[in-house]
Amino acid sequence: MSYIVTYLLPFIALPSGDLASGISLGIFLIVLAILYVNSDMLHINPMLNLAGWHIYEVTLEKGEIFTLIAKVRVRKDMDLKVTQMGDWIYLEAGK
């Protein structure tokens, strides 16, 4: 979601005291929140990385793709116990 910076630049350049700018920024943040929730990115948080968690996109042999959040560095053919957090999001549950 690095493209968001492109959309935020106009808000940074505008005077912050303007009512129209505040309303525009509010609408943008609401749309961004809806996109985050609908795309299952709500669980992907940069703070997880700072806390030592790693985020992976995993493809199973069957072709299913999901997001894995793990404390360990995941390697190919590694077995992990996981807990399902969302439709396509799993959290490492330890050994």
C-alpha atoms as a PDB file:
ATOM      1  CA  MET A   1       0.000   0.000   0.000  1.00  0.00           C
ATOM      2  CA  SER A   2       2.950   2.295  -0.599  1.00  0.00           C
ATOM      3  CA  TYR A   3       0.937   4.103  -3.263  1.00  0.00           C
ATOM      4  CA  ILE A   4      -1.042   5.785  -0.459  1.00  0.00           C
ATOM      5  CA  VAL A   5       1.784   8.307  -0.059  1.00  0.00           C
ATOM      6  CA  THR A   6       0.935   9.633  -3.525  1.00  0.00           C
ATOM      7  CA  TYR A   7      -2.594  10.393  -2.379  1.00  0.00           C
ATOM      8  CA  LEU A   8      -1.464  11.896   0.931  1.00  0.00           C
ATOM      9  CA  LEU A   9       0.928  14.447  -0.626  1.00  0.00           C
ATOM     10  CA  PRO A  10      -1.826  16.905  -1.634  1.00  0.00           C
ATOM     11  CA  PHE A  11      -3.148  16.890   1.933  1.00  0.00           C
ATOM     12  CA  ILE A  12       0.307  17.649   3.305  1.00  0.00           C
ATOM     13  CA  ALA A  13       0.739  20.585   0.890  1.00  0.00           C
ATOM     14  CA  LEU A  14      -2.635  22.163   1.715  1.00  0.00           C
ATOM     15  CA  PRO A  15      -3.115  24.514   4.670  1.00  0.00           C
ATOM     16  CA  SER A  16      -4.341  22.469   7.631  1.00  0.00           C
ATOM     17  CA  GLY A  17      -6.770  25.100   8.931  1.00  0.00           C
ATOM     18  CA  ASP A  18      -9.036  24.981   5.858  1.00  0.00           C
ATOM     19  CA  LEU A  19     -12.411  23.276   6.510  1.00  0.00           C
ATOM     20  CA  ALA A  20     -12.623  21.818   2.995  1.00  0.00           C
ATOM     21  CA  SER A  21      -9.168  20.265   3.389  1.00  0.00           C
ATOM     22  CA  GLY A  22     -10.191  18.701   6.677  1.00  0.00           C
ATOM     23  CA  ILE A  23     -13.356  17.245   5.158  1.00  0.00           C
ATOM     24  CA  SER A  24     -11.416  15.937   2.147  1.00  0.00           C
ATOM     25  CA  LEU A  25      -8.831  14.299   4.395  1.00  0.00           C
ATOM     26  CA  GLY A  26     -11.599  12.766   6.513  1.00  0.00           C
ATOM     27  CA  ILE A  27     -13.312  11.291   3.442  1.00  0.00           C
ATOM     28  CA  PHE A  28      -9.974   9.933   2.207  1.00  0.00           C
ATOM     29  CA  LEU A  29      -9.252   8.275   5.562  1.00  0.00           C
ATOM     30  CA  ILE A  30     -12.729   6.698   5.646  1.00  0.00           C
ATOM     31  CA  VAL A  31     -12.287   5.293   2.124  1.00  0.00           C
ATOM     32  CA  LEU A  32      -8.807   4.043   3.078  1.00  0.00           C
ATOM     33  CA  ALA A  33     -10.191   2.319   6.191  1.00  0.00           C
ATOM     34  CA  ILE A  34     -12.920   0.619   4.144  1.00  0.00           C
ATOM     35  CA  LEU A  35     -10.325  -0.590   1.619  1.00  0.00           C
ATOM     36  CA  TYR A  36      -8.106  -1.896   4.408  1.00  0.00           C
ATOM     37  CA  VAL A  37     -10.943  -3.871   6.002  1.00  0.00           C
ATOM     38  CA  ASN A  38     -12.351  -5.216   2.724  1.00  0.00           C
ATOM     39  CA  SER A  39      -8.940  -6.349   1.472  1.00  0.00           C
ATOM     40  CA  ASP A  40      -8.142  -8.209   4.730  1.00  0.00           C
ATOM     41  CA  MET A  41      -5.170  -5.905   5.325  1.00  0.00           C
ATOM     42  CA  LEU A  42      -6.469  -4.853   8.718  1.00  0.00           C
ATOM     43  CA  HIS A  43      -4.368  -7.596  10.307  1.00  0.00           C
ATOM     44  CA  ILE A  44      -1.200  -6.539   8.485  1.00  0.00           C
ATOM     45  CA  ASN A  45       0.286  -3.910  10.761  1.00  0.00           C
ATOM     46  CA  PRO A  46       3.783  -2.354  10.542  1.00  0.00           C
ATOM     47  CA  MET A  47       3.945  -2.525  14.343  1.00  0.00           C
ATOM     48  CA  LEU A  48       4.057  -6.329  14.061  1.00  0.00           C
ATOM     49  CA  ASN A  49       7.358  -6.012  12.223  1.00  0.00           C
ATOM     50  CA  LEU A  50       8.769  -3.756  14.921  1.00  0.00           C
ATOM     51  CA  ALA A  51       7.730  -6.374  17.512  1.00  0.00           C
ATOM     52  CA  GLY A  52       9.700  -9.054  15.658  1.00  0.00           C
ATOM     53  CA  TRP A  53       6.893 -10.672  13.667  1.00  0.00           C
ATOM     54  CA  HIS A  54       7.346 -11.488   9.970  1.00  0.00           C
ATOM     55  CA  ILE A  55       4.602 -11.449   7.336  1.00  0.00           C
ATOM     56  CA  TYR A  56       4.671 -14.005   4.526  1.00  0.00           C
ATOM     57  CA  GLU A  57       2.522 -14.829   1.524  1.00  0.00           C
ATOM     58  CA  VAL A  58       2.376 -18.633   1.466  1.00  0.00           C
ATOM     59  CA  THR A  59       1.277 -20.834  -1.437  1.00  0.00           C
ATOM     60  CA  LEU A  60       0.317 -24.419  -0.619  1.00  0.00           C
ATOM     61  CA  GLU A  61       0.834 -27.351  -2.978  1.00  0.00           C
ATOM     62  CA  LYS A  62      -2.905 -27.224  -3.739  1.00  0.00           C
ATOM     63  CA  GLY A  63      -2.472 -23.645  -4.981  1.00  0.00           C
ATOM     64  CA  GLU A  64      -4.153 -21.937  -2.023  1.00  0.00           C
ATOM     65  CA  ILE A  65      -2.551 -18.620  -1.084  1.00  0.00           C
ATOM     66  CA  PHE A  66      -2.731 -17.080   2.383  1.00  0.00           C
ATOM     67  CA  THR A  67      -0.919 -14.658   4.683  1.00  0.00           C
ATOM     68  CA  LEU A  68       1.175 -16.066   7.526  1.00  0.00           C
ATOM     69  CA  ILE A  69       2.336 -14.002  10.507  1.00  0.00           C
ATOM     70  CA  ALA A  70       5.226 -15.713  12.308  1.00  0.00           C
ATOM     71  CA  LYS A  71       7.918 -14.957  14.879  1.00  0.00           C
ATOM     72  CA  VAL A  72      10.374 -17.327  13.191  1.00  0.00           C
ATOM     73  CA  ARG A  73      11.957 -16.957   9.774  1.00  0.00           C
ATOM     74  CA  VAL A  74       9.931 -19.340   7.629  1.00  0.00           C
ATOM     75  CA  ARG A  75      11.780 -21.583   5.193  1.00  0.00           C
ATOM     76  CA  LYS A  76      10.454 -23.742   2.376  1.00  0.00           C
ATOM     77  CA  ASP A  77       9.175 -27.156   3.542  1.00  0.00           C
ATOM     78  CA  MET A  78       9.042 -25.974   7.176  1.00  0.00           C
ATOM     79  CA  ASP A  79       6.223 -27.295   9.381  1.00  0.00           C
ATOM     80  CA  LEU A  80       4.491 -24.838  11.718  1.00  0.00           C
ATOM     81  CA  LYS A  81       1.507 -24.941  14.032  1.00  0.00           C
ATOM     82  CA  VAL A  82      -0.817 -22.098  13.091  1.00  0.00           C
ATOM     83  CA  THR A  83      -4.065 -20.538  14.262  1.00  0.00           C
ATOM     84  CA  GLN A  84      -6.541 -19.126  11.751  1.00  0.00           C
ATOM     85  CA  MET A  85      -7.131 -15.398  12.346  1.00  0.00           C
ATOM     86  CA  GLY A  86      -9.255 -14.603   9.291  1.00  0.00           C
ATOM     87  CA  ASP A  87     -10.334 -16.125   6.000  1.00  0.00           C
ATOM     88  CA  TRP A  88      -6.812 -16.090   4.551  1.00  0.00           C
ATOM     89  CA  ILE A  89      -4.691 -15.028   7.532  1.00  0.00           C
ATOM     90  CA  TYR A  90      -2.870 -17.436   9.865  1.00  0.00           C
ATOM     91  CA  LEU A  91      -0.748 -16.791  12.970  1.00  0.00           C
ATOM     92  CA  GLU A  92       2.125 -19.008  14.068  1.00  0.00           C
ATOM     93  CA  ALA A  93       1.008 -20.793  17.250  1.00  0.00           C
ATOM     94  CA  GLY A  94       4.433 -21.974  18.417  1.00  0.00           C
ATOM     95  CA  LYS A  95       6.073 -25.373  18.278  1.00  0.00           C
END
